[in-house]
Each structure stands twice: as structure tokens, then as C-alpha cells.
Amino acid sequence: MTLPAFAFRSLTATVLLAAGVLAACGGGGGSAGDSATATPQTPACVAAGPVSPPAAGPLDPQVTVTFSNGLGVNGTVVLTLNRTQAPVTVANFLSYVNSGFYNCTIIHRYAPGFVAQGGAYASPVTVGGALPVAKATGSPIVLEDNKGLSNARLTIAMARTTAPDSANSQFFFNLVNNTSLDATTTTRGYAVFGSVTSGSAVIDAMSTAPCTAWSALAFAGECVPSPNVVLMSAVQTR
């Protein structure tokens, strides 16, 4: 089976091994079939189309994102984007937001004590079912990993393959201070382009959501939220 190419594949295993969490899957951890009760369903989502962004102003842009899994993950998150230090990355992210690309996509990868990643697959995705096909994206962007922004807790950064200039639509939330993902004098890093400035409890709730190991989308010690944590809408609000 071929694993999908997504963010920091080789680095992830190293970091998680160092953290000693490879043995555990996050959240509820059990598969849907483990319970005798009715299986919660992924929330229905109708994707909205493109919208016009607000007029540019002196303040950094903001995006309001709504998440739901029909259980404990429900609410909005406000992202403040740093267009001064990561202009290319911010412009790229906003182009996906304003095109409606992220609406009704899922958080497809949860790595305990590390990251929650999304921006690739349309909802719903059935764990253990057919392997989903990633949405078509634009061209990859240059890696802005040396701009003085660190992969601190509750920042948002771009996912990529092992090739530095390969990020397109996929992003991740840093669930802890992941300074090991920052650039050094000898290694490239992962481009932080904003932070969660409201709604951190929604991000934290992802850590305790039901989540199932599925090697098709997640590596050892990681899992796929099930029912899906759906990004219901992403709208540029400033």
C-alpha cells in the first residue's frame, strides 16, 4: 500500500519517537465498532462557494474557521495571519480560503502531543473504507521557514513533503511547542504563518475526540478522527 505524501513524513516519526508517544493513539482511540451504542455520524456539510475578501487594511488579516465532529469539537477558531513575516504563505492560504477550497474538508491526521493536520480531503472520509483522493490544488509555494516565526503551541503552519518548496493547501496546528520543526543552520523547517487568537478550546478538543488508527492516512502512533472533525467553513473576516 502506498501512503499519501503529506507533511513531514520522515520527521514526524523521529519527533514522536523522541516524545515517547508512538504506542498510543489520541483521543478516544477506539474504532467505531468497539461500542455497542449507535456510532456517531460525521456532521453533514454543504460547501459554500467563493467569496470576496474584505478590503485590505492596516491590520493583519484574520480567518474565522468553524469546526464540528457532532460531539465535543464544535465552535469557531479565529486565525490571525502574519503577512509581514510570511507574505507568500499568507497569500497562498487566503487564496484557498476565499475560493471556498477548505469548506467541508477534514482534519485527517492527529498526532498526539504534536500536530493536527488538514486541508486535503473532502468530508466525509470513512476510516477503513476507500482511500480518499486529495482535492486538486494550485502550484506549490516557496518555503518561508526563516522568517523568525516559531512552531509554538497554537500556531498554524504549512505542511509539506520532504522537498522544501512543496507546500500547497495542507496546514497543521501545533498542539505543543514544536521547536524541532523550526529551521536551523543545517536543516529546513516548516513555515509558520499565523496563530490561533480565539477559540483555542476548539483546537484542544481535537485532542480528546474519538480517533481511529488507519495506516492509509496516519502513521504509527497517530490516528484519523472518526467521526470526522469537519472544517465546516473558513471565511476571511479581516
Foldseek 3Di string as FASTA:
>chain_A
DDADFKFPVVVVVVVCVVVVQLQAEFAPADDQPPDPDDRQAADDFDQDFADDADDDDDAFWKKKWFKDRPPQQGDIWIKGWACPLPVQVVVLQVVCQRGSQQAQWFQFKDFPQFKTKTFFFHDDDDFVDDQTHTDDWDFFAAFSQPRPDFLAAQFKWFGAGQDRRGTHGMMIGTNHRPRVQGDDPVDHHIGTTIGTPDDVVSVVVVRNAAWYCHVNHYDRSMTTHPVTTTRNHMGTPD
